[in-house]
Amino acid sequence: MTTAAEKRYMGAVASIPCVACGAEGVHVHHMRFGAGMGQKNSPFLTIALCPGCHQGELSIHSSKKQFEAIFGNELHLLAKTIEGVFNA
């Protein structure tokens, strides 16, 4: 069950531009780092990614190594998301 605070935070994440390419209209990507198979991390471990960077041809889901070589790994993108939320 998602708490009110978690919902507010994910709403804030969804309101900032993509932390990879800067596009507006983002998805909230749940980090896979440290999560077991089929499990999602905490809603506070989410990254602001546009649809292309989230699930497109060159995205964190379809070509993770290439994506991370260009835009940084999930921890780097999480830090950029937190910064974006607090500077919004």
Protein backbone atom coordinates (compact mmCIF):
# COMPACT_ATOMS: atom_id res chain seq x y z
CA MET A 1 0.00 0.00 0.00
CA THR A 2 1.34 3.41 -1.01
CA THR A 3 1.29 6.11 1.68
CA ALA A 4 0.18 9.71 1.13
CA ALA A 5 3.80 10.87 1.43
CA GLU A 6 4.92 8.35 -1.20
CA LYS A 7 2.14 9.48 -3.56
CA ARG A 8 3.12 13.14 -3.09
CA TYR A 9 6.78 12.35 -3.79
CA MET A 10 6.02 10.35 -6.93
CA GLY A 11 3.78 13.21 -8.09
CA ALA A 12 6.69 15.58 -7.59
CA VAL A 13 8.98 13.24 -9.56
CA ALA A 14 6.42 13.10 -12.38
CA SER A 15 6.32 16.92 -12.53
CA ILE A 16 10.00 17.47 -13.39
CA PRO A 17 11.65 16.99 -16.80
CA CYS A 18 13.38 13.74 -17.75
CA VAL A 19 16.69 13.62 -15.89
CA ALA A 20 18.35 11.91 -18.85
CA CYS A 21 17.31 14.01 -21.88
CA GLY A 22 15.32 16.92 -20.42
CA ALA A 23 12.02 16.11 -22.16
CA GLU A 24 8.75 17.01 -20.47
CA GLY A 25 6.04 14.46 -19.66
CA VAL A 26 7.81 11.79 -17.66
CA HIS A 27 7.15 8.30 -16.38
CA VAL A 28 8.17 7.42 -12.83
CA HIS A 29 10.76 4.64 -13.14
CA HIS A 30 11.21 2.42 -10.09
CA MET A 31 14.89 1.63 -9.62
CA ARG A 32 15.87 -2.01 -9.97
CA PHE A 33 19.07 -1.55 -7.97
CA GLY A 34 18.95 -3.90 -4.99
CA ALA A 35 15.42 -5.19 -5.70
CA GLY A 36 14.69 -8.88 -6.11
CA MET A 37 13.14 -10.42 -9.21
CA GLY A 38 9.65 -9.08 -9.81
CA GLN A 39 9.90 -6.63 -6.91
CA LYS A 40 9.79 -2.84 -6.94
CA ASN A 41 11.81 -0.63 -4.67
CA SER A 42 10.34 2.07 -2.46
CA PRO A 43 8.41 4.85 -4.22
CA PHE A 44 11.15 7.15 -2.89
CA LEU A 45 13.64 5.31 -5.14
CA THR A 46 12.08 6.51 -8.38
CA ILE A 47 13.59 8.30 -11.36
CA ALA A 48 11.98 10.84 -13.70
CA LEU A 49 12.33 9.45 -17.25
CA CYS A 50 10.44 10.40 -20.42
CA PRO A 51 8.69 7.53 -22.26
CA GLY A 52 11.60 7.22 -24.71
CA CYS A 53 14.27 7.02 -22.01
CA HIS A 54 12.09 4.73 -19.91
CA GLN A 55 10.90 2.18 -22.48
CA GLY A 56 12.04 3.32 -25.94
CA GLU A 57 14.61 1.81 -28.29
CA LEU A 58 17.57 3.27 -26.35
CA SER A 59 16.16 3.15 -22.83
CA ILE A 60 16.84 1.98 -19.32
CA HIS A 61 14.62 -1.06 -19.94
CA SER A 62 15.59 -2.09 -23.48
CA SER A 63 19.31 -1.30 -23.67
CA LYS A 64 20.43 -0.56 -20.13
CA LYS A 65 24.20 -0.74 -20.70
CA GLN A 66 24.09 1.67 -23.65
CA PHE A 67 21.64 3.96 -21.86
CA GLU A 68 23.82 4.09 -18.73
CA ALA A 69 26.96 4.71 -20.81
CA ILE A 70 25.29 7.85 -22.19
CA PHE A 71 23.20 9.13 -19.25
CA GLY A 72 24.69 7.51 -16.12
CA ASN A 73 23.55 4.67 -13.88
CA GLU A 74 20.40 4.51 -11.78
CA LEU A 75 22.11 5.97 -8.68
CA HIS A 76 23.35 8.96 -10.69
CA LEU A 77 19.87 9.47 -12.21
CA LEU A 78 18.25 9.12 -8.76
CA ALA A 79 20.48 11.89 -7.44
CA LYS A 80 19.49 14.10 -10.39
CA THR A 81 15.81 13.30 -9.71
CA ILE A 82 16.10 14.24 -6.03
CA GLU A 83 17.85 17.46 -7.00
CA GLY A 84 15.11 18.21 -9.54
CA VAL A 85 12.33 17.58 -7.03
CA PHE A 86 13.90 19.85 -4.41
CA ASN A 87 14.76 22.61 -6.91
CA ALA A 88 11.31 22.62 -8.56
